[in-house]
C-alpha atoms as a PDB file:
ATOM      1  CA  MET A   1      -6.570  28.047 -23.607  1.00  0.00           C
ATOM      2  CA  LYS A   2      -9.820  28.320 -22.162  1.00  0.00           C
ATOM      3  CA  ASP A   3     -11.086  27.561 -18.667  1.00  0.00           C
ATOM      4  CA  LEU A   4     -13.549  24.576 -18.026  1.00  0.00           C
ATOM      5  CA  ASP A   5     -16.117  27.067 -16.882  1.00  0.00           C
ATOM      6  CA  GLU A   6     -16.031  29.054 -20.221  1.00  0.00           C
ATOM      7  CA  TYR A   7     -17.121  26.337 -22.460  1.00  0.00           C
ATOM      8  CA  ASN A   8     -20.808  25.151 -23.241  1.00  0.00           C
ATOM      9  CA  ALA A   9     -22.246  22.341 -20.778  1.00  0.00           C
ATOM     10  CA  ASP A  10     -23.789  20.830 -24.017  1.00  0.00           C
ATOM     11  CA  ALA A  11     -20.927  21.074 -25.922  1.00  0.00           C
ATOM     12  CA  LEU A  12     -18.672  19.862 -23.198  1.00  0.00           C
ATOM     13  CA  ALA A  13     -20.949  16.738 -22.760  1.00  0.00           C
ATOM     14  CA  ARG A  14     -21.183  16.063 -26.427  1.00  0.00           C
ATOM     15  CA  LEU A  15     -17.401  16.284 -26.780  1.00  0.00           C
ATOM     16  CA  LEU A  16     -16.885  13.595 -23.739  1.00  0.00           C
ATOM     17  CA  ALA A  17     -19.271  11.351 -25.492  1.00  0.00           C
ATOM     18  CA  GLU A  18     -17.524  11.396 -28.546  1.00  0.00           C
ATOM     19  CA  GLU A  19     -14.421  10.752 -27.122  1.00  0.00           C
ATOM     20  CA  GLY A  20     -15.488   7.826 -24.990  1.00  0.00           C
ATOM     21  CA  TRP A  21     -14.419   9.606 -21.570  1.00  0.00           C
ATOM     22  CA  ASP A  22     -18.134   8.953 -20.210  1.00  0.00           C
ATOM     23  CA  THR A  23     -17.831   4.831 -20.432  1.00  0.00           C
ATOM     24  CA  PRO A  24     -16.447   3.161 -17.639  1.00  0.00           C
ATOM     25  CA  LEU A  25     -13.142   1.536 -18.143  1.00  0.00           C
ATOM     26  CA  PRO A  26     -12.754  -2.189 -18.446  1.00  0.00           C
ATOM     27  CA  PRO A  27     -11.827  -4.136 -15.356  1.00  0.00           C
ATOM     28  CA  VAL A  28      -8.092  -4.539 -14.756  1.00  0.00           C
ATOM     29  CA  HIS A  29      -6.767  -8.098 -13.750  1.00  0.00           C
ATOM     30  CA  ARG A  30      -3.747  -8.923 -11.973  1.00  0.00           C
ATOM     31  CA  GLN A  31      -1.545 -10.625 -14.630  1.00  0.00           C
ATOM     32  CA  GLN A  32       0.313 -13.683 -13.779  1.00  0.00           C
ATOM     33  CA  LEU A  33       4.215 -13.119 -14.080  1.00  0.00           C
ATOM     34  CA  GLU A  34       6.074 -16.229 -15.512  1.00  0.00           C
ATOM     35  CA  PRO A  35       8.867 -17.337 -13.237  1.00  0.00           C
ATOM     36  CA  TRP A  36      11.600 -15.963 -15.098  1.00  0.00           C
ATOM     37  CA  GLN A  37       9.780 -12.618 -14.754  1.00  0.00           C
ATOM     38  CA  GLN A  38       9.441 -12.813 -11.459  1.00  0.00           C
ATOM     39  CA  TRP A  39      13.511 -13.888 -10.816  1.00  0.00           C
ATOM     40  CA  VAL A  40      13.960 -10.683 -13.145  1.00  0.00           C
ATOM     41  CA  PHE A  41      11.751  -8.245 -10.532  1.00  0.00           C
ATOM     42  CA  TRP A  42      13.439  -9.701  -7.522  1.00  0.00           C
ATOM     43  CA  GLY A  43      17.173  -9.081  -9.064  1.00  0.00           C
ATOM     44  CA  LEU A  44      16.010  -5.542  -9.592  1.00  0.00           C
ATOM     45  CA  ARG A  45      14.624  -4.992  -6.035  1.00  0.00           C
ATOM     46  CA  ILE A  46      18.135  -6.483  -4.934  1.00  0.00           C
ATOM     47  CA  TYR A  47      19.749  -4.389  -6.975  1.00  0.00           C
ATOM     48  CA  VAL A  48      17.955  -1.276  -5.605  1.00  0.00           C
ATOM     49  CA  VAL A  49      18.483  -2.127  -2.376  1.00  0.00           C
ATOM     50  CA  ILE A  50      22.274  -2.382  -2.903  1.00  0.00           C
ATOM     51  CA  MET A  51      22.630   0.882  -4.863  1.00  0.00           C
ATOM     52  CA  CYS A  52      20.840   2.230  -1.897  1.00  0.00           C
ATOM     53  CA  VAL A  53      23.169   1.009   0.524  1.00  0.00           C
ATOM     54  CA  ILE A  54      26.092   2.078  -1.816  1.00  0.00           C
ATOM     55  CA  VAL A  55      24.667   5.717  -1.870  1.00  0.00           C
ATOM     56  CA  LEU A  56      24.137   5.757   1.901  1.00  0.00           C
ATOM     57  CA  TRP A  57      27.600   4.490   2.367  1.00  0.00           C
ATOM     58  CA  ALA A  58      29.212   7.082   0.126  1.00  0.00           C
ATOM     59  CA  PHE A  59      26.981   9.970   1.699  1.00  0.00           C
ATOM     60  CA  THR A  60      28.121   9.303   4.964  1.00  0.00           C
ATOM     61  CA  LEU A  61      31.951   8.838   4.139  1.00  0.00           C
ATOM     62  CA  GLY A  62      31.483  12.181   2.289  1.00  0.00           C
ATOM     63  CA  VAL A  63      29.700  13.753   5.249  1.00  0.00           C
ATOM     64  CA  HIS A  64      32.671  12.872   7.546  1.00  0.00           C
ATOM     65  CA  ALA A  65      35.415  13.407   5.143  1.00  0.00           C
END
């Protein structure tokens, strides 16, 4: 595999133009979630917090055993 400095600058610019890497990306906007999706994400957050508490509890019991 060649290093980037081993390529011809014109060939590299042509490749970038052909692939579309020189055009700016379209703007990204925040997507409004449905209420059921918000509940699912809150459930996942609560699940992660509970799992972290369980892992910390098991770790502290294992350290003191």
